[in-house]
Amino acid sequence: MCFACMNDTSLPDNPRMIRRMMSAMKSLDGLVVVASLLFVCAALPARGQLCPKENPNGPGQPSESRTLEGRLIYHDGLRKWFELKLDRPECGQPSVELFPGRNSFSPGSPDGLETFRGCRVRAEGPLGGAASGYYTLDINLSVGEIEPVGKCTRQPPLPEFSKVKPHWSIQRYRVGMTIDYEQADRPIFFRVTSGGKVLRPWQAYASYELTGGYVLYGHCAKSFAVDRVFGDSELTPQHFEERGDPDDAAMFNPDDRDGVAKKKLHLGYTCVRMP
């Protein structure tokens, strides 16, 4: 147990708990346990706290579970995310970012958040603050429950390509990527070719991830390794590891353009089948 978990009572009203804590702190092991419990409890939702609370010395404290209503919007950008555009502002924000609090709400699931896109919904869960560059909005909600409000035409889950594999005959291919900053959604385009032939779906041959620091990594399919990395010079194209290393990836920095006004950026890499 910890101070933050004592039914919201103050320390003077819990003398028994104080004595237990003081006794535990007489040993090194006890100090470690007490410190760990305090750290964990600091990150637990607080009763009566409607908005997340920042902590400059550690993880922020989420709010109590909230129920918010608004329209769910799916952003198919460089970093794909879900927005709940609120009916009325909460914690000074007109929208919150939604995260699937349960696997059943994850993208690709029959009840994934994307199936509610375009609908007005009621979402329940604690509010948290943006802890890193992986977050798009200042406040997020970890969805524990969600339901439509009013008429809602459920949308199909997002396409799932995890089980799609490259054709057995392909030994080498080229991945071309274009980033269009004038496109709000779907700003990144892939074109995968081998011997002049377009390979589809491209998701069977390539994938990418965007870090919190806006570093873009391009990956080959399993059993293939990155061979050559190329692109506009302002993207600083390079290898993540040594060429041919199974853990290698094509590495770019699309957000570090030094004021370059180009709206479209071109980058890519080639993949070769490993022995």
C-alpha atoms as a PDB file:
ATOM      1  CA  MET A   1       0.000   0.000   0.000  1.00  0.00           C
ATOM      2  CA  CYS A   2       1.126   3.627  -0.485  1.00  0.00           C
ATOM      3  CA  PHE A   3       0.149   7.142   0.550  1.00  0.00           C
ATOM      4  CA  ALA A   4      -1.700   7.766  -2.735  1.00  0.00           C
ATOM      5  CA  CYS A   5      -3.770   4.598  -2.238  1.00  0.00           C
ATOM      6  CA  MET A   6      -5.101   5.194   1.294  1.00  0.00           C
ATOM      7  CA  ASN A   7      -8.679   5.964   0.303  1.00  0.00           C
ATOM      8  CA  ASP A   8      -7.752   9.613  -0.206  1.00  0.00           C
ATOM      9  CA  THR A   9      -7.222  10.177   3.533  1.00  0.00           C
ATOM     10  CA  SER A  10      -4.323  12.261   4.784  1.00  0.00           C
ATOM     11  CA  LEU A  11      -1.265  10.963   6.608  1.00  0.00           C
ATOM     12  CA  PRO A  12      -2.271  12.175  10.115  1.00  0.00           C
ATOM     13  CA  ASP A  13      -5.495  10.148   9.783  1.00  0.00           C
ATOM     14  CA  ASN A  14      -3.522   6.944   9.128  1.00  0.00           C
ATOM     15  CA  PRO A  15      -1.111   6.481  12.031  1.00  0.00           C
ATOM     16  CA  ARG A  16      -1.060   2.701  11.631  1.00  0.00           C
ATOM     17  CA  MET A  17      -0.003   3.040   8.009  1.00  0.00           C
ATOM     18  CA  ILE A  18       2.698   5.568   8.964  1.00  0.00           C
ATOM     19  CA  ARG A  19       4.148   3.168  11.558  1.00  0.00           C
ATOM     20  CA  ARG A  20       4.238   0.327   8.976  1.00  0.00           C
ATOM     21  CA  MET A  21       5.952   2.539   6.435  1.00  0.00           C
ATOM     22  CA  MET A  22       8.532   3.790   8.940  1.00  0.00           C
ATOM     23  CA  SER A  23       9.239   0.225  10.096  1.00  0.00           C
ATOM     24  CA  ALA A  24       9.736  -0.954   6.513  1.00  0.00           C
ATOM     25  CA  MET A  25      12.165   1.896   5.791  1.00  0.00           C
ATOM     26  CA  LYS A  26      14.573   0.665   8.470  1.00  0.00           C
ATOM     27  CA  SER A  27      16.006  -1.898   6.020  1.00  0.00           C
ATOM     28  CA  LEU A  28      17.411  -1.464   2.497  1.00  0.00           C
ATOM     29  CA  ASP A  29      14.925  -3.957   1.089  1.00  0.00           C
ATOM     30  CA  GLY A  30      12.122  -2.096   2.787  1.00  0.00           C
ATOM     31  CA  LEU A  31      13.251   1.192   1.294  1.00  0.00           C
ATOM     32  CA  VAL A  32      13.267  -0.322  -2.185  1.00  0.00           C
ATOM     33  CA  VAL A  33       9.766  -1.726  -1.735  1.00  0.00           C
ATOM     34  CA  VAL A  34       8.379   1.525  -0.324  1.00  0.00           C
ATOM     35  CA  ALA A  35       9.966   3.614  -3.102  1.00  0.00           C
ATOM     36  CA  SER A  36       8.605   1.272  -5.750  1.00  0.00           C
ATOM     37  CA  LEU A  37       5.101   1.395  -4.312  1.00  0.00           C
ATOM     38  CA  LEU A  38       5.154   5.178  -4.117  1.00  0.00           C
ATOM     39  CA  PHE A  39       6.305   5.367  -7.753  1.00  0.00           C
ATOM     40  CA  VAL A  40       3.557   3.013  -8.943  1.00  0.00           C
ATOM     41  CA  CYS A  41       0.828   4.669  -6.923  1.00  0.00           C
ATOM     42  CA  ALA A  42       1.823   8.098  -8.207  1.00  0.00           C
ATOM     43  CA  ALA A  43       0.810   6.937 -11.677  1.00  0.00           C
ATOM     44  CA  LEU A  44      -2.592   5.568 -10.607  1.00  0.00           C
ATOM     45  CA  PRO A  45      -5.758   7.501 -11.392  1.00  0.00           C
ATOM     46  CA  ALA A  46      -6.817   9.766  -8.532  1.00  0.00           C
ATOM     47  CA  ARG A  47     -10.427   9.856  -7.382  1.00  0.00           C
ATOM     48  CA  GLY A  48     -12.032  13.205  -8.014  1.00  0.00           C
ATOM     49  CA  GLN A  49      -9.283  14.287 -10.425  1.00  0.00           C
ATOM     50  CA  LEU A  50     -10.963  15.202 -13.699  1.00  0.00           C
ATOM     51  CA  CYS A  51      -7.838  16.050 -15.740  1.00  0.00           C
ATOM     52  CA  PRO A  52      -4.382  14.471 -15.977  1.00  0.00           C
ATOM     53  CA  LYS A  53      -1.747  15.956 -13.734  1.00  0.00           C
ATOM     54  CA  GLU A  54       1.822  16.575 -14.860  1.00  0.00           C
ATOM     55  CA  ASN A  55       4.758  15.434 -12.763  1.00  0.00           C
ATOM     56  CA  PRO A  56       8.152  16.975 -13.661  1.00  0.00           C
ATOM     57  CA  ASN A  57       9.953  14.297 -11.635  1.00  0.00           C
ATOM     58  CA  GLY A  58       8.292  11.190 -13.041  1.00  0.00           C
ATOM     59  CA  PRO A  59       5.247   9.795 -14.804  1.00  0.00           C
ATOM     60  CA  GLY A  60       2.189  11.996 -14.843  1.00  0.00           C
ATOM     61  CA  GLN A  61      -0.932  11.090 -12.910  1.00  0.00           C
ATOM     62  CA  PRO A  62      -3.957  10.144 -15.054  1.00  0.00           C
ATOM     63  CA  SER A  63      -7.425  11.333 -14.167  1.00  0.00           C
ATOM     64  CA  GLU A  64     -10.190   9.230 -12.766  1.00  0.00           C
ATOM     65  CA  SER A  65     -12.198   7.325 -15.368  1.00  0.00           C
ATOM     66  CA  ARG A  66     -14.136   9.779 -17.516  1.00  0.00           C
ATOM     67  CA  THR A  67     -17.003   9.385 -19.970  1.00  0.00           C
ATOM     68  CA  LEU A  68     -16.719  11.703 -22.961  1.00  0.00           C
ATOM     69  CA  GLU A  69     -18.855  12.120 -26.075  1.00  0.00           C
ATOM     70  CA  GLY A  70     -17.908  13.319 -29.535  1.00  0.00           C
ATOM     71  CA  ARG A  71     -17.201  12.301 -33.110  1.00  0.00           C
ATOM     72  CA  LEU A  72     -14.517   9.673 -33.755  1.00  0.00           C
ATOM     73  CA  ILE A  73     -12.106  10.599 -36.557  1.00  0.00           C
ATOM     74  CA  TYR A  74      -9.409   8.307 -37.962  1.00  0.00           C
ATOM     75  CA  HIS A  75      -6.278  10.086 -39.177  1.00  0.00           C
ATOM     76  CA  ASP A  76      -4.449   8.047 -41.798  1.00  0.00           C
ATOM     77  CA  GLY A  77      -1.279  10.145 -41.681  1.00  0.00           C
ATOM     78  CA  LEU A  78       2.416   9.396 -41.288  1.00  0.00           C
ATOM     79  CA  ARG A  79       1.470   8.380 -37.771  1.00  0.00           C
ATOM     80  CA  LYS A  80      -1.991   6.837 -37.750  1.00  0.00           C
ATOM     81  CA  TRP A  81      -4.169   7.877 -34.820  1.00  0.00           C
ATOM     82  CA  PHE A  82      -7.735   8.271 -33.567  1.00  0.00           C
ATOM     83  CA  GLU A  83      -9.279  11.580 -32.522  1.00  0.00           C
ATOM     84  CA  LEU A  84     -12.373  12.114 -30.420  1.00  0.00           C
ATOM     85  CA  LYS A  85     -13.628  15.567 -31.441  1.00  0.00           C
ATOM     86  CA  LEU A  86     -15.487  16.473 -28.279  1.00  0.00           C
ATOM     87  CA  ASP A  87     -19.008  17.852 -28.080  1.00  0.00           C
ATOM     88  CA  ARG A  88     -17.622  20.320 -25.545  1.00  0.00           C
ATOM     89  CA  PRO A  89     -14.021  21.044 -24.499  1.00  0.00           C
ATOM     90  CA  GLU A  90     -12.512  19.041 -21.640  1.00  0.00           C
ATOM     91  CA  CYS A  91      -9.402  20.050 -19.689  1.00  0.00           C
ATOM     92  CA  GLY A  92      -9.069  23.001 -22.042  1.00  0.00           C
ATOM     93  CA  GLN A  93      -8.905  20.802 -25.159  1.00  0.00           C
ATOM     94  CA  PRO A  94     -11.410  20.519 -28.040  1.00  0.00           C
ATOM     95  CA  SER A  95     -10.249  16.957 -28.844  1.00  0.00           C
ATOM     96  CA  VAL A  96      -8.518  14.030 -27.172  1.00  0.00           C
ATOM     97  CA  GLU A  97      -6.476  11.242 -28.730  1.00  0.00           C
ATOM     98  CA  LEU A  98      -7.918   7.750 -28.314  1.00  0.00           C
ATOM     99  CA  PHE A  99      -5.864   4.671 -27.493  1.00  0.00           C
ATOM    100  CA  PRO A 100      -7.316   1.148 -27.424  1.00  0.00           C
ATOM    101  CA  GLY A 101      -7.295   0.228 -23.745  1.00  0.00           C
ATOM    102  CA  ARG A 102      -8.181  -3.383 -24.608  1.00  0.00           C
ATOM    103  CA  ASN A 103      -6.962  -5.660 -27.390  1.00  0.00           C
ATOM    104  CA  SER A 104     -10.525  -5.962 -28.667  1.00  0.00           C
ATOM    105  CA  PHE A 105     -10.371  -2.281 -29.657  1.00  0.00           C
ATOM    106  CA  SER A 106      -7.035  -2.562 -31.486  1.00  0.00           C
ATOM    107  CA  PRO A 107      -6.857  -1.874 -35.262  1.00  0.00           C
ATOM    108  CA  GLY A 108      -7.898  -4.899 -37.309  1.00  0.00           C
ATOM    109  CA  SER A 109     -10.218  -6.270 -34.615  1.00  0.00           C
ATOM    110  CA  PRO A 110     -13.939  -6.677 -35.345  1.00  0.00           C
ATOM    111  CA  ASP A 111     -14.658  -4.022 -32.702  1.00  0.00           C
ATOM    112  CA  GLY A 112     -11.544  -1.935 -33.388  1.00  0.00           C
ATOM    113  CA  LEU A 113     -11.811   1.804 -32.864  1.00  0.00           C
ATOM    114  CA  GLU A 114     -11.707   2.315 -36.635  1.00  0.00           C
ATOM    115  CA  THR A 115     -15.089   0.607 -36.989  1.00  0.00           C
ATOM    116  CA  PHE A 116     -16.616   3.671 -35.280  1.00  0.00           C
ATOM    117  CA  ARG A 117     -14.944   6.224 -37.568  1.00  0.00           C
ATOM    118  CA  GLY A 118     -17.340   8.977 -38.548  1.00  0.00           C
ATOM    119  CA  CYS A 119     -19.771   8.129 -35.734  1.00  0.00           C
ATOM    120  CA  ARG A 120     -20.646  10.015 -32.606  1.00  0.00           C
ATOM    121  CA  VAL A 121     -19.528   7.830 -29.711  1.00  0.00           C
ATOM    122  CA  ARG A 122     -19.398   7.680 -25.948  1.00  0.00           C
ATOM    123  CA  ALA A 123     -15.951   6.602 -24.723  1.00  0.00           C
ATOM    124  CA  GLU A 124     -14.972   5.764 -21.163  1.00  0.00           C
ATOM    125  CA  GLY A 125     -11.508   5.641 -19.612  1.00  0.00           C
ATOM    126  CA  PRO A 126      -8.855   7.672 -17.762  1.00  0.00           C
ATOM    127  CA  LEU A 127      -7.287  10.745 -19.338  1.00  0.00           C
ATOM    128  CA  GLY A 128      -3.516  11.005 -19.612  1.00  0.00           C
ATOM    129  CA  GLY A 129      -1.030  13.571 -20.851  1.00  0.00           C
ATOM    130  CA  ALA A 130       1.265  13.320 -23.876  1.00  0.00           C
ATOM    131  CA  ALA A 131       4.376  11.588 -22.545  1.00  0.00           C
ATOM    132  CA  SER A 132       6.467  11.591 -25.738  1.00  0.00           C
ATOM    133  CA  GLY A 133       6.546  12.531 -29.405  1.00  0.00           C
ATOM    134  CA  TYR A 134       4.514   9.407 -30.196  1.00  0.00           C
ATOM    135  CA  TYR A 135       1.433  11.298 -29.040  1.00  0.00           C
ATOM    136  CA  THR A 136      -0.302  13.700 -31.406  1.00  0.00           C
ATOM    137  CA  LEU A 137      -2.555  15.599 -28.990  1.00  0.00           C
ATOM    138  CA  ASP A 138      -1.852  16.959 -25.511  1.00  0.00           C
ATOM    139  CA  ILE A 139      -4.432  14.714 -23.838  1.00  0.00           C
ATOM    140  CA  ASN A 140      -5.332  11.100 -24.544  1.00  0.00           C
ATOM    141  CA  LEU A 141      -7.985   8.690 -23.356  1.00  0.00           C
ATOM    142  CA  SER A 142      -7.309   4.983 -22.840  1.00  0.00           C
ATOM    143  CA  VAL A 143     -10.566   3.438 -24.019  1.00  0.00           C
ATOM    144  CA  GLY A 144     -12.053   0.885 -21.658  1.00  0.00           C
ATOM    145  CA  GLU A 145     -15.558   1.061 -23.111  1.00  0.00           C
ATOM    146  CA  ILE A 146     -16.986   2.642 -26.244  1.00  0.00           C
ATOM    147  CA  GLU A 147     -20.459   2.724 -27.773  1.00  0.00           C
ATOM    148  CA  PRO A 148     -22.174   4.662 -30.559  1.00  0.00           C
ATOM    149  CA  VAL A 149     -24.430   7.610 -29.748  1.00  0.00           C
ATOM    150  CA  GLY A 150     -27.389   7.831 -32.074  1.00  0.00           C
ATOM    151  CA  LYS A 151     -27.330   6.431 -35.597  1.00  0.00           C
ATOM    152  CA  CYS A 152     -23.978   4.900 -36.559  1.00  0.00           C
ATOM    153  CA  THR A 153     -23.023   2.971 -39.670  1.00  0.00           C
ATOM    154  CA  ARG A 154     -20.174   0.763 -38.495  1.00  0.00           C
ATOM    155  CA  GLN A 155     -17.196   0.660 -40.840  1.00  0.00           C
ATOM    156  CA  PRO A 156     -15.155  -2.464 -41.703  1.00  0.00           C
ATOM    157  CA  PRO A 157     -11.884  -3.021 -39.800  1.00  0.00           C
ATOM    158  CA  LEU A 158      -8.701  -1.712 -41.377  1.00  0.00           C
ATOM    159  CA  PRO A 159      -7.091  -4.169 -43.813  1.00  0.00           C
ATOM    160  CA  GLU A 160      -4.781  -6.707 -42.188  1.00  0.00           C
ATOM    161  CA  PHE A 161      -1.600  -7.633 -44.089  1.00  0.00           C
ATOM    162  CA  SER A 162       0.471  -9.370 -41.424  1.00  0.00           C
ATOM    163  CA  LYS A 163      -0.014 -12.798 -43.026  1.00  0.00           C
ATOM    164  CA  VAL A 164       0.707 -11.712 -46.603  1.00  0.00           C
ATOM    165  CA  LYS A 165       4.146 -12.884 -47.802  1.00  0.00           C
ATOM    166  CA  PRO A 166       6.336 -11.995 -50.806  1.00  0.00           C
ATOM    167  CA  HIS A 167       6.137 -14.278 -53.833  1.00  0.00           C
ATOM    168  CA  TRP A 168       8.654 -17.117 -53.541  1.00  0.00           C
ATOM    169  CA  SER A 169      10.297 -16.216 -56.864  1.00  0.00           C
ATOM    170  CA  ILE A 170      11.238 -12.652 -55.857  1.00  0.00           C
ATOM    171  CA  GLN A 171      14.938 -12.300 -55.022  1.00  0.00           C
ATOM    172  CA  ARG A 172      15.358  -8.523 -55.104  1.00  0.00           C
ATOM    173  CA  TYR A 173      13.014  -5.541 -55.187  1.00  0.00           C
ATOM    174  CA  ARG A 174      12.936  -1.766 -54.920  1.00  0.00           C
ATOM    175  CA  VAL A 175      10.778   0.201 -52.467  1.00  0.00           C
ATOM    176  CA  GLY A 176       9.933   3.743 -53.567  1.00  0.00           C
ATOM    177  CA  MET A 177       8.290   6.098 -51.073  1.00  0.00           C
ATOM    178  CA  THR A 178       6.837   9.574 -51.574  1.00  0.00           C
ATOM    179  CA  ILE A 179       5.833  11.850 -48.702  1.00  0.00           C
ATOM    180  CA  ASP A 180       3.330  14.529 -49.695  1.00  0.00           C
ATOM    181  CA  TYR A 181       3.028  17.208 -47.006  1.00  0.00           C
ATOM    182  CA  GLU A 182       0.020  18.743 -48.748  1.00  0.00           C
ATOM    183  CA  GLN A 183      -2.035  15.620 -48.007  1.00  0.00           C
ATOM    184  CA  ALA A 184      -3.652  15.627 -44.572  1.00  0.00           C
ATOM    185  CA  ASP A 185      -4.425  11.906 -44.786  1.00  0.00           C
ATOM    186  CA  ARG A 186      -2.539   9.180 -46.650  1.00  0.00           C
ATOM    187  CA  PRO A 187       0.516  11.390 -47.168  1.00  0.00           C
ATOM    188  CA  ILE A 188       2.914   8.501 -47.787  1.00  0.00           C
ATOM    189  CA  PHE A 189       2.793   6.486 -51.013  1.00  0.00           C
ATOM    190  CA  PHE A 190       4.588   3.198 -51.688  1.00  0.00           C
ATOM    191  CA  ARG A 191       5.591   1.695 -55.024  1.00  0.00           C
ATOM    192  CA  VAL A 192       7.351  -1.688 -54.879  1.00  0.00           C
ATOM    193  CA  THR A 193       8.861  -3.061 -58.089  1.00  0.00           C
ATOM    194  CA  SER A 194      11.053  -5.921 -59.252  1.00  0.00           C
ATOM    195  CA  GLY A 195      12.423  -6.111 -62.780  1.00  0.00           C
ATOM    196  CA  GLY A 196      10.066  -3.322 -63.839  1.00  0.00           C
ATOM    197  CA  LYS A 197       7.014  -5.178 -62.515  1.00  0.00           C
ATOM    198  CA  VAL A 198       4.870  -3.627 -59.772  1.00  0.00           C
ATOM    199  CA  LEU A 199       4.468  -5.916 -56.760  1.00  0.00           C
ATOM    200  CA  ARG A 200       1.172  -5.930 -54.872  1.00  0.00           C
ATOM    201  CA  PRO A 201       0.159  -5.548 -52.196  1.00  0.00           C
ATOM    202  CA  TRP A 202       3.109  -3.410 -51.213  1.00  0.00           C
ATOM    203  CA  GLN A 203       2.491  -4.302 -47.541  1.00  0.00           C
ATOM    204  CA  ALA A 204       3.758  -7.827 -48.307  1.00  0.00           C
ATOM    205  CA  TYR A 205       7.174  -6.377 -49.150  1.00  0.00           C
ATOM    206  CA  ALA A 206       7.645  -3.237 -47.061  1.00  0.00           C
ATOM    207  CA  SER A 207       6.640  -1.547 -43.836  1.00  0.00           C
ATOM    208  CA  TYR A 208       7.615   1.550 -41.920  1.00  0.00           C
ATOM    209  CA  GLU A 209       7.574   3.052 -38.465  1.00  0.00           C
ATOM    210  CA  LEU A 210       7.849   6.630 -37.245  1.00  0.00           C
ATOM    211  CA  THR A 211       9.553   7.287 -33.911  1.00  0.00           C
ATOM    212  CA  GLY A 212       8.629   9.934 -31.375  1.00  0.00           C
ATOM    213  CA  GLY A 213      11.531  11.995 -32.686  1.00  0.00           C
ATOM    214  CA  TYR A 214      10.151  11.771 -36.236  1.00  0.00           C
ATOM    215  CA  VAL A 215      12.806   9.402 -37.520  1.00  0.00           C
ATOM    216  CA  LEU A 216      11.338   7.211 -40.261  1.00  0.00           C
ATOM    217  CA  TYR A 217      12.459   3.583 -40.590  1.00  0.00           C
ATOM    218  CA  GLY A 218      11.750   1.527 -43.702  1.00  0.00           C
ATOM    219  CA  HIS A 219      11.781  -2.268 -43.404  1.00  0.00           C
ATOM    220  CA  CYS A 220      12.001  -5.136 -45.848  1.00  0.00           C
ATOM    221  CA  ALA A 221       9.907  -8.265 -45.642  1.00  0.00           C
ATOM    222  CA  LYS A 222      11.071 -11.144 -43.478  1.00  0.00           C
ATOM    223  CA  SER A 223      13.976 -13.067 -45.040  1.00  0.00           C
ATOM    224  CA  PHE A 224      15.084  -9.918 -46.906  1.00  0.00           C
ATOM    225  CA  ALA A 225      17.733  -7.370 -45.942  1.00  0.00           C
ATOM    226  CA  VAL A 226      18.157  -3.699 -46.853  1.00  0.00           C
ATOM    227  CA  ASP A 227      20.766  -3.320 -49.582  1.00  0.00           C
ATOM    228  CA  ARG A 228      20.801   0.304 -50.755  1.00  0.00           C
ATOM    229  CA  VAL A 229      19.226   3.423 -49.232  1.00  0.00           C
ATOM    230  CA  PHE A 230      18.493   6.525 -51.297  1.00  0.00           C
ATOM    231  CA  GLY A 231      16.433   9.709 -51.250  1.00  0.00           C
ATOM    232  CA  ASP A 232      16.461  13.494 -51.207  1.00  0.00           C
ATOM    233  CA  SER A 233      19.575  14.725 -49.423  1.00  0.00           C
ATOM    234  CA  GLU A 234      17.588  16.701 -46.833  1.00  0.00           C
ATOM    235  CA  LEU A 235      16.192  13.388 -45.582  1.00  0.00           C
ATOM    236  CA  THR A 236      19.699  12.203 -44.617  1.00  0.00           C
ATOM    237  CA  PRO A 237      19.117   8.663 -46.016  1.00  0.00           C
ATOM    238  CA  GLN A 238      21.284   6.052 -44.289  1.00  0.00           C
ATOM    239  CA  HIS A 239      21.450   2.526 -42.902  1.00  0.00           C
ATOM    240  CA  PHE A 240      20.359   1.868 -39.331  1.00  0.00           C
ATOM    241  CA  GLU A 241      22.820  -1.027 -39.018  1.00  0.00           C
ATOM    242  CA  GLU A 242      25.534  -2.460 -41.271  1.00  0.00           C
ATOM    243  CA  ARG A 243      24.388  -3.332 -44.775  1.00  0.00           C
ATOM    244  CA  GLY A 244      23.112  -6.912 -44.906  1.00  0.00           C
ATOM    245  CA  ASP A 245      22.495  -7.096 -41.161  1.00  0.00           C
ATOM    246  CA  PRO A 246      19.109  -8.779 -40.443  1.00  0.00           C
ATOM    247  CA  ASP A 247      18.310  -5.921 -38.037  1.00  0.00           C
ATOM    248  CA  ASP A 248      19.151  -3.239 -40.574  1.00  0.00           C
ATOM    249  CA  ALA A 249      16.580  -0.725 -41.792  1.00  0.00           C
ATOM    250  CA  ALA A 250      16.494   2.260 -44.094  1.00  0.00           C
ATOM    251  CA  MET A 251      16.654   5.385 -41.948  1.00  0.00           C
ATOM    252  CA  PHE A 252      15.378   8.873 -42.833  1.00  0.00           C
ATOM    253  CA  ASN A 253      14.624  12.111 -41.019  1.00  0.00           C
ATOM    254  CA  PRO A 254      11.645  13.694 -42.826  1.00  0.00           C
ATOM    255  CA  ASP A 255      11.066  16.286 -40.103  1.00  0.00           C
ATOM    256  CA  ASP A 256      14.602  17.731 -40.184  1.00  0.00           C
ATOM    257  CA  ARG A 257      14.416  19.642 -43.445  1.00  0.00           C
ATOM    258  CA  ASP A 258      16.198  22.843 -42.333  1.00  0.00           C
ATOM    259  CA  GLY A 259      13.479  25.087 -43.699  1.00  0.00           C
ATOM    260  CA  VAL A 260      13.386  23.415 -47.110  1.00  0.00           C
ATOM    261  CA  ALA A 261      10.069  24.337 -48.737  1.00  0.00           C
ATOM    262  CA  LYS A 262       9.613  21.142 -50.762  1.00  0.00           C
ATOM    263  CA  LYS A 263       6.120  19.738 -50.428  1.00  0.00           C
ATOM    264  CA  LYS A 264       6.974  16.302 -51.807  1.00  0.00           C
ATOM    265  CA  LEU A 265       9.906  14.199 -50.649  1.00  0.00           C
ATOM    266  CA  HIS A 266      11.180  11.087 -52.411  1.00  0.00           C
ATOM    267  CA  LEU A 267      13.019   8.273 -50.668  1.00  0.00           C
ATOM    268  CA  GLY A 268      13.456   4.544 -50.861  1.00  0.00           C
ATOM    269  CA  TYR A 269      15.587   1.460 -50.495  1.00  0.00           C
ATOM    270  CA  THR A 270      16.246  -1.895 -52.097  1.00  0.00           C
ATOM    271  CA  CYS A 271      15.855  -5.321 -50.522  1.00  0.00           C
ATOM    272  CA  VAL A 272      17.635  -8.564 -51.299  1.00  0.00           C
ATOM    273  CA  ARG A 273      16.747 -12.064 -50.169  1.00  0.00           C
ATOM    274  CA  MET A 274      19.105 -13.353 -47.506  1.00  0.00           C
ATOM    275  CA  PRO A 275      20.840 -16.717 -48.072  1.00  0.00           C
END
